[in-house]
Amino acid sequence: MTTSPRVDVVVIGAGISGLFAARSLARSGVTVRCFEARERVGGRLHSVEIGRNGIDLGATWFWPDEVLVESVARDLGLAVFPQYLEGDALFEAGAPGPQRIQGNPIDVPSSRFTWGAQSMAGRLADELPLGSLSLGDPVNALRVDDAGVEVETASGTTSASQVIVAIPPALAAESISFSPVLPDALAETCRRTQVWMANTVKVVAIYAEPFWRRAGLAGAAVSYRGPFREIHDHSGPEGSPAALFGFAGAAYFDGQEPGLIGEAFLDQLVRLFGRDAANPETLHVADWSRERQTTPKTPSPMASTETYGHPLFQLPFLERLHWASTETAPAFAGHIEGALEAGMRAARNAGRAAKGVLPPAPH
């Protein structure tokens, strides 16, 4: 175990919220160190490179009223494009087959990142000071006292004036040893806060061409037969790469292997879109319920979204610990916008407490 030089602020988690907080602090002259358990940045912004574009296995869209995402994307020079909406949708209530609905009432105007949502995390990470980001280095313990905070990771110990916890509160409560322990009300609120995406399986099928568009279909479907409730066109700009993706509840599969989940998805696509859907070029499966750096091993049976943006997450614990993840955002919780807002709030509060500086808001 090594002891690292003291910094002003430690950020736990290199998802979009933590990275945005860390970059905001560094830009304002605050020394920062960011620790991430995964070997990659982005957290639930996870993209796979397909040719010159990216497909998303986690967060995908942002919407016209989400101005912070748009501002940060522009600041980082990220290319975006509109979600494909044209054509008819499909609805499946059960046998004997899907019903074609004129127009597309399922999708709404939204935007996507040309290189995948994770590209935003990558660009933010690239702008951090050299040596300030540690990957594959989970935080095990966190001690807070009058002198500051001490963060114990797999690689060593780092002390700071302030700390930002930018991972889901339920995951933090389970995986980090807090000293002093979190007050009962705060600990229980953390445990009962549903982790966004934790109950979700997402599968993306890549095809040689968007064949459904030839039939006048938007690639959008809602199914009550399942197992995937929602299906959307996930193609890149101009339809390349061609792709369809679906969301399903993780409980339906109960920890099945990715291959079996993928087979179930293809069976449903064939049922909905015909035989052309049977042979994708590649298939990508993400079961977020099994992602140990996202989802607690033993989630609370009482977990819900009712505690998103809870007032306790807006207050620093012992004036030194600040919460930042999309679940803690009072507005747009569960969205990239909410994650950015939470990161910005935490950075401003931690920066002011550490050095009396106020990181500027993006413009």
Protein backbone atom coordinates (compact mmCIF):
# COMPACT_ATOMS: atom_id res chain seq x y z
CA MET A 1 0.00 0.00 0.00
CA THR A 2 1.26 3.45 -0.90
CA THR A 3 0.35 6.91 0.32
CA SER A 4 -0.33 9.43 -2.44
CA PRO A 5 0.20 13.19 -2.16
CA ARG A 6 -2.71 15.07 -0.62
CA VAL A 7 -5.16 16.68 -3.03
CA ASP A 8 -8.01 19.11 -2.57
CA VAL A 9 -10.77 16.76 -3.75
CA VAL A 10 -11.03 13.01 -4.34
CA VAL A 11 -13.70 11.82 -6.77
CA ILE A 12 -14.94 8.24 -6.46
CA GLY A 13 -16.16 6.95 -9.81
CA ALA A 14 -15.21 7.82 -13.40
CA GLY A 15 -18.70 7.69 -14.82
CA ILE A 16 -20.00 10.78 -16.54
CA SER A 17 -20.92 12.49 -13.26
CA GLY A 18 -17.55 11.91 -11.62
CA LEU A 19 -15.55 12.86 -14.69
CA PHE A 20 -17.54 16.04 -15.22
CA ALA A 21 -17.00 16.99 -11.58
CA ALA A 22 -13.28 16.21 -11.76
CA ARG A 23 -12.75 18.20 -14.94
CA SER A 24 -14.72 21.16 -13.59
CA LEU A 25 -12.59 21.22 -10.46
CA ALA A 26 -9.31 20.85 -12.33
CA ARG A 27 -10.28 23.70 -14.67
CA SER A 28 -10.74 25.99 -11.67
CA GLY A 29 -7.33 25.15 -10.18
CA VAL A 30 -8.46 22.61 -7.61
CA THR A 31 -6.20 19.56 -7.31
CA VAL A 32 -8.15 16.36 -7.86
CA ARG A 33 -7.74 12.60 -7.94
CA CYS A 34 -10.37 10.32 -9.49
CA PHE A 35 -10.60 6.60 -8.72
CA GLU A 36 -12.51 4.09 -10.84
CA ALA A 37 -13.05 0.39 -10.13
CA ARG A 38 -13.41 -0.53 -13.80
CA GLU A 39 -10.58 -0.64 -16.31
CA ARG A 40 -12.48 1.88 -18.43
CA VAL A 41 -14.22 5.22 -17.97
CA GLY A 42 -17.89 5.93 -18.55
CA GLY A 43 -19.73 3.71 -16.08
CA ARG A 44 -23.20 3.26 -17.51
CA LEU A 45 -22.13 5.14 -20.62
CA HIS A 46 -20.66 2.10 -22.34
CA SER A 47 -20.17 2.02 -26.10
CA VAL A 48 -18.75 -0.49 -28.57
CA GLU A 49 -16.92 0.79 -31.63
CA ILE A 50 -18.43 -0.38 -34.92
CA GLY A 51 -16.52 1.01 -37.89
CA ARG A 52 -16.34 4.78 -37.47
CA ASN A 53 -19.34 4.90 -35.14
CA GLY A 54 -20.34 3.64 -31.73
CA ILE A 55 -23.28 1.64 -30.44
CA ASP A 56 -24.48 2.00 -26.87
CA LEU A 57 -24.94 -0.81 -24.37
CA GLY A 58 -25.98 1.66 -21.68
CA ALA A 59 -27.23 5.24 -21.90
CA THR A 60 -28.21 6.22 -25.43
CA TRP A 61 -30.29 9.37 -25.90
CA PHE A 62 -30.59 12.94 -24.82
CA TRP A 63 -33.62 15.14 -25.44
CA PRO A 64 -34.24 18.73 -26.62
CA ASP A 65 -34.87 20.11 -23.12
CA GLU A 66 -31.59 18.70 -21.79
CA VAL A 67 -29.43 21.74 -22.41
CA LEU A 68 -26.47 20.72 -20.24
CA VAL A 69 -25.75 17.60 -22.31
CA GLU A 70 -25.93 19.65 -25.47
CA SER A 71 -23.61 22.30 -24.03
CA VAL A 72 -21.01 19.80 -22.82
CA ALA A 73 -21.12 17.86 -26.11
CA ARG A 74 -20.51 21.08 -28.02
CA ASP A 75 -17.69 22.07 -25.67
CA LEU A 76 -16.02 18.69 -26.21
CA GLY A 77 -16.47 18.77 -30.00
CA LEU A 78 -18.63 15.63 -30.05
CA ALA A 79 -20.68 14.82 -33.13
CA VAL A 80 -24.37 14.09 -32.55
CA PHE A 81 -27.26 13.07 -34.80
CA PRO A 82 -31.04 12.69 -34.49
CA GLN A 83 -32.74 9.44 -33.54
CA TYR A 84 -34.36 7.81 -36.60
CA LEU A 85 -38.16 8.25 -36.40
CA GLU A 86 -39.57 7.65 -39.88
CA GLY A 87 -41.90 4.79 -40.69
CA ASP A 88 -44.46 2.70 -38.85
CA ALA A 89 -44.15 1.08 -35.44
CA LEU A 90 -45.14 -2.39 -34.30
CA PHE A 91 -47.26 -3.44 -31.32
CA GLU A 92 -47.46 -6.97 -29.98
CA ALA A 93 -50.06 -7.95 -27.43
CA GLY A 94 -49.70 -11.70 -28.00
CA ALA A 95 -50.62 -14.27 -30.63
CA PRO A 96 -51.14 -14.45 -33.54
CA GLY A 97 -48.66 -11.71 -34.54
CA PRO A 98 -47.57 -8.08 -34.32
CA GLN A 99 -49.87 -5.23 -35.26
CA ARG A 100 -48.56 -2.49 -37.53
CA ILE A 101 -49.29 1.01 -36.28
CA GLN A 102 -49.34 3.87 -38.73
CA GLY A 103 -46.62 6.30 -37.78
CA ASN A 104 -44.25 6.01 -34.84
CA PRO A 105 -45.85 6.91 -31.50
CA ILE A 106 -43.10 5.06 -29.60
CA ASP A 107 -40.05 7.18 -30.29
CA VAL A 108 -39.81 10.92 -29.71
CA PRO A 109 -37.35 13.48 -31.11
CA SER A 110 -34.01 12.91 -29.43
CA SER A 111 -30.31 12.94 -30.19
CA ARG A 112 -27.49 10.42 -30.01
CA PHE A 113 -23.71 10.54 -30.02
CA THR A 114 -22.13 9.54 -33.33
CA TRP A 115 -19.23 7.80 -31.58
CA GLY A 116 -21.41 6.48 -28.77
CA ALA A 117 -22.30 8.05 -25.43
CA GLN A 118 -19.05 6.80 -23.87
CA SER A 119 -17.18 9.20 -26.15
CA MET A 120 -18.29 12.02 -23.83
CA ALA A 121 -16.63 10.25 -20.89
CA GLY A 122 -13.50 9.63 -22.93
CA ARG A 123 -13.15 13.27 -23.89
CA LEU A 124 -13.64 14.43 -20.30
CA ALA A 125 -11.03 11.95 -19.09
CA ASP A 126 -8.57 13.18 -21.73
CA GLU A 127 -8.84 16.69 -20.28
CA LEU A 128 -7.92 15.67 -16.73
CA PRO A 129 -4.40 16.46 -15.49
CA LEU A 130 -1.87 13.70 -16.13
CA GLY A 131 -1.87 11.13 -13.35
CA SER A 132 -5.11 12.26 -11.76
CA LEU A 133 -7.21 9.32 -13.00
CA SER A 134 -6.69 5.80 -11.58
CA LEU A 135 -8.49 2.94 -13.36
CA GLY A 136 -8.96 -0.55 -11.94
CA ASP A 137 -8.58 0.96 -8.47
CA PRO A 138 -11.76 0.49 -6.39
CA VAL A 139 -12.32 2.44 -3.21
CA ASN A 140 -12.66 0.19 -0.16
CA ALA A 141 -12.86 2.61 2.75
CA LEU A 142 -13.53 6.26 3.42
CA ARG A 143 -12.69 8.06 6.67
CA VAL A 144 -13.90 11.57 7.47
CA ASP A 145 -12.72 13.72 10.37
CA ASP A 146 -11.93 17.34 11.23
CA ALA A 147 -8.63 17.15 9.32
CA GLY A 148 -10.23 16.05 6.07
CA VAL A 149 -10.92 12.76 4.34
CA GLU A 150 -8.81 9.67 3.81
CA VAL A 151 -9.66 7.41 0.89
CA GLU A 152 -8.36 3.85 0.87
CA THR A 153 -8.22 2.13 -2.53
CA ALA A 154 -6.78 -1.12 -3.82
CA SER A 155 -3.50 0.69 -4.58
CA GLY A 156 -3.05 2.86 -1.52
CA THR A 157 -4.33 5.79 0.51
CA THR A 158 -5.05 9.35 -0.56
CA SER A 159 -6.01 12.23 1.72
CA ALA A 160 -8.00 15.30 0.70
CA SER A 161 -10.09 18.11 2.03
CA GLN A 162 -13.29 16.96 0.29
CA VAL A 163 -14.61 13.83 -1.42
CA ILE A 164 -17.27 13.36 -4.10
CA VAL A 165 -19.00 9.97 -4.20
CA ALA A 166 -20.00 9.66 -7.85
CA ILE A 167 -21.27 6.08 -7.87
CA PRO A 168 -24.84 4.92 -7.19
CA PRO A 169 -25.66 5.51 -3.51
CA ALA A 170 -26.81 1.90 -3.01
CA LEU A 171 -23.51 0.62 -4.40
CA ALA A 172 -21.53 3.02 -2.22
CA ALA A 173 -23.40 1.92 0.90
CA GLU A 174 -22.64 -1.74 0.17
CA SER A 175 -19.06 -1.57 -1.13
CA ILE A 176 -17.40 1.23 0.87
CA SER A 177 -16.63 1.13 4.58
CA PHE A 178 -17.52 4.56 5.98
CA SER A 179 -15.96 5.96 9.14
CA PRO A 180 -17.87 7.32 10.91
CA VAL A 181 -20.74 5.18 9.69
CA LEU A 182 -23.45 6.92 7.72
CA PRO A 183 -26.40 8.03 9.85
CA ASP A 184 -29.28 5.58 9.75
CA ALA A 185 -31.54 7.83 7.70
CA LEU A 186 -28.85 8.48 5.09
CA ALA A 187 -27.71 4.86 4.94
CA GLU A 188 -31.27 3.63 4.51
CA THR A 189 -31.95 6.23 1.81
CA CYS A 190 -28.83 5.06 -0.04
CA ARG A 191 -29.89 1.41 0.13
CA ARG A 192 -33.44 2.16 -0.98
CA THR A 193 -32.42 4.26 -3.98
CA GLN A 194 -32.88 2.15 -7.10
CA VAL A 195 -29.74 1.99 -9.24
CA TRP A 196 -30.62 3.26 -12.70
CA MET A 197 -30.20 0.44 -15.29
CA ALA A 198 -29.70 -2.16 -12.53
CA ASN A 199 -32.82 -4.10 -13.49
CA THR A 200 -32.20 -3.89 -17.22
CA VAL A 201 -30.88 -6.12 -19.96
CA LYS A 202 -30.01 -4.41 -23.23
CA VAL A 203 -29.18 -6.26 -26.45
CA VAL A 204 -28.01 -4.72 -29.73
CA ALA A 205 -28.08 -6.61 -33.04
CA ILE A 206 -25.89 -5.28 -35.87
CA TYR A 207 -26.94 -5.93 -39.50
CA ALA A 208 -25.48 -5.33 -42.94
CA GLU A 209 -28.32 -2.90 -43.70
CA PRO A 210 -31.43 -1.48 -42.00
CA PHE A 211 -33.76 -3.90 -43.80
CA TRP A 212 -36.81 -2.83 -41.76
CA ARG A 213 -36.68 0.60 -43.36
CA ARG A 214 -37.27 -0.94 -46.79
CA ALA A 215 -40.59 -2.18 -45.43
CA GLY A 216 -41.48 1.30 -44.18
CA LEU A 217 -40.84 0.43 -40.53
CA ALA A 218 -39.22 2.70 -37.98
CA GLY A 219 -37.58 -0.19 -36.11
CA ALA A 220 -39.66 0.70 -33.06
CA ALA A 221 -41.84 -1.85 -31.28
CA VAL A 222 -43.61 -2.39 -27.97
CA SER A 223 -44.31 -5.97 -26.97
CA TYR A 224 -46.38 -7.38 -24.14
CA ARG A 225 -45.44 -10.87 -25.27
CA GLY A 226 -41.76 -10.19 -24.65
CA PRO A 227 -39.33 -10.91 -23.31
CA PHE A 228 -38.14 -7.54 -24.62
CA ARG A 229 -40.71 -4.83 -23.92
CA GLU A 230 -39.17 -2.06 -26.06
CA ILE A 231 -37.27 -2.22 -29.34
CA HIS A 232 -35.75 0.73 -31.17
CA ASP A 233 -33.71 1.55 -34.26
CA HIS A 234 -30.13 1.92 -33.05
CA SER A 235 -28.49 2.57 -36.41
CA GLY A 236 -25.79 5.16 -36.85
CA PRO A 237 -25.97 8.25 -39.05
CA GLU A 238 -27.41 7.50 -42.50
CA GLY A 239 -28.31 4.02 -41.27
CA SER A 240 -24.75 2.79 -40.78
CA PRO A 241 -24.04 0.68 -38.86
CA ALA A 242 -27.53 -0.79 -39.10
CA ALA A 243 -28.80 -1.91 -35.71
CA LEU A 244 -31.82 -2.73 -33.56
CA PHE A 245 -31.76 -2.81 -29.77
CA GLY A 246 -34.13 -3.99 -27.09
CA PHE A 247 -34.72 -3.49 -23.37
CA ALA A 248 -35.88 -6.30 -21.09
CA GLY A 249 -36.28 -6.73 -17.37
CA ALA A 250 -33.28 -8.56 -15.93
CA ALA A 251 -35.50 -10.59 -13.63
CA TYR A 252 -37.01 -12.39 -16.63
CA PHE A 253 -33.65 -13.95 -17.49
CA ASP A 254 -32.57 -14.53 -13.87
CA GLY A 255 -28.84 -14.48 -14.60
CA GLN A 256 -28.90 -16.50 -17.83
CA GLU A 257 -25.75 -16.51 -19.93
CA PRO A 258 -25.45 -13.79 -22.61
CA GLY A 259 -25.73 -16.34 -25.42
CA LEU A 260 -29.19 -17.46 -24.29
CA ILE A 261 -30.32 -13.86 -23.82
CA GLY A 262 -29.15 -13.06 -27.35
CA GLU A 263 -31.04 -16.04 -28.77
CA ALA A 264 -34.23 -14.88 -27.08
CA PHE A 265 -33.76 -11.42 -28.58
CA LEU A 266 -33.25 -12.78 -32.10
CA ASP A 267 -36.30 -15.03 -31.79
CA GLN A 268 -38.38 -11.99 -30.92
CA LEU A 269 -36.90 -9.88 -33.73
CA VAL A 270 -37.75 -12.59 -36.27
CA ARG A 271 -41.28 -12.74 -34.90
CA LEU A 272 -41.61 -8.97 -35.28
CA PHE A 273 -39.53 -8.07 -38.33
CA GLY A 274 -39.31 -11.31 -40.29
CA ARG A 275 -36.56 -13.68 -41.42
CA ASP A 276 -34.13 -10.88 -42.33
CA ALA A 277 -33.62 -10.36 -38.60
CA ALA A 278 -32.33 -13.91 -38.04
CA ASN A 279 -28.71 -13.40 -39.00
CA PRO A 280 -27.07 -10.31 -37.53
CA GLU A 281 -23.41 -9.65 -38.17
CA THR A 282 -22.79 -9.28 -34.42
CA LEU A 283 -24.82 -9.37 -31.24
CA HIS A 284 -23.98 -7.45 -28.06
CA VAL A 285 -25.57 -8.29 -24.70
CA ALA A 286 -25.38 -6.18 -21.53
CA ASP A 287 -27.03 -7.49 -18.36
CA TRP A 288 -26.64 -4.54 -16.01
CA SER A 289 -27.97 -6.53 -13.07
CA ARG A 290 -24.73 -8.54 -13.15
CA GLU A 291 -22.40 -5.53 -13.40
CA ARG A 292 -20.78 -5.52 -9.97
CA GLN A 293 -19.38 -2.00 -10.43
CA THR A 294 -22.95 -0.79 -11.05
CA THR A 295 -25.36 -3.00 -9.16
CA PRO A 296 -25.12 -4.09 -5.49
CA LYS A 297 -24.73 -7.81 -4.87
CA THR A 298 -27.72 -7.69 -2.54
CA PRO A 299 -30.07 -4.89 -3.65
CA SER A 300 -32.72 -3.81 -1.19
CA PRO A 301 -36.12 -5.37 -1.92
CA MET A 302 -37.55 -1.93 -1.10
CA ALA A 303 -35.42 -0.11 -3.69
CA SER A 304 -37.34 2.34 -5.85
CA THR A 305 -36.94 5.57 -7.79
CA GLU A 306 -38.94 7.50 -5.20
CA THR A 307 -35.72 8.60 -3.48
CA TYR A 308 -34.11 9.98 -6.66
CA GLY A 309 -32.90 13.50 -5.91
CA HIS A 310 -33.60 13.04 -2.18
CA PRO A 311 -32.81 16.12 -0.03
CA LEU A 312 -30.21 14.11 1.91
CA PHE A 313 -28.18 13.75 -1.30
CA GLN A 314 -28.04 17.53 -1.65
CA LEU A 315 -26.31 17.96 1.72
CA PRO A 316 -22.63 17.20 2.37
CA PHE A 317 -22.03 14.57 5.04
CA LEU A 318 -19.90 16.08 7.83
CA GLU A 319 -19.33 19.07 5.51
CA ARG A 320 -16.87 17.01 3.45
CA LEU A 321 -18.65 14.22 1.54
CA HIS A 322 -20.71 15.18 -1.50
CA TRP A 323 -23.02 12.91 -3.52
CA ALA A 324 -22.96 12.88 -7.32
CA SER A 325 -24.61 10.32 -9.57
CA THR A 326 -27.68 10.49 -11.76
CA GLU A 327 -29.78 9.02 -8.93
CA THR A 328 -28.98 12.02 -6.71
CA ALA A 329 -30.12 14.67 -9.21
CA PRO A 330 -33.34 16.53 -8.28
CA ALA A 331 -34.10 16.91 -12.01
CA PHE A 332 -33.47 14.51 -14.92
CA ALA A 333 -32.52 11.65 -12.58
CA GLY A 334 -31.77 8.52 -14.59
CA HIS A 335 -30.61 10.59 -17.57
CA ILE A 336 -27.18 11.76 -18.71
CA GLU A 337 -28.45 15.27 -18.02
CA GLY A 338 -29.10 14.36 -14.40
CA ALA A 339 -25.63 12.84 -14.04
CA LEU A 340 -24.03 16.02 -15.37
CA GLU A 341 -26.15 18.24 -13.14
CA ALA A 342 -25.26 16.17 -10.09
CA GLY A 343 -21.56 16.32 -10.98
CA MET A 344 -21.71 20.08 -11.50
CA ARG A 345 -23.48 20.63 -8.17
CA ALA A 346 -20.98 18.45 -6.28
CA ALA A 347 -18.00 20.13 -7.95
CA ARG A 348 -19.23 23.59 -7.05
CA ASN A 349 -19.88 22.64 -3.43
CA ALA A 350 -16.65 20.69 -3.00
CA GLY A 351 -14.56 23.33 -4.78
CA ARG A 352 -15.98 26.10 -2.64
CA ALA A 353 -15.38 24.09 0.55
CA ALA A 354 -11.85 23.05 -0.42
CA LYS A 355 -10.41 26.30 -1.75
CA GLY A 356 -13.16 28.86 -1.85
CA VAL A 357 -13.49 28.57 -5.62
CA LEU A 358 -16.64 28.07 -7.66
CA PRO A 359 -16.08 25.99 -10.83
CA PRO A 360 -17.74 27.80 -13.73
CA ALA A 361 -20.92 26.41 -15.24
CA PRO A 362 -20.59 25.26 -18.88
CA HIS A 363 -21.83 27.67 -21.55
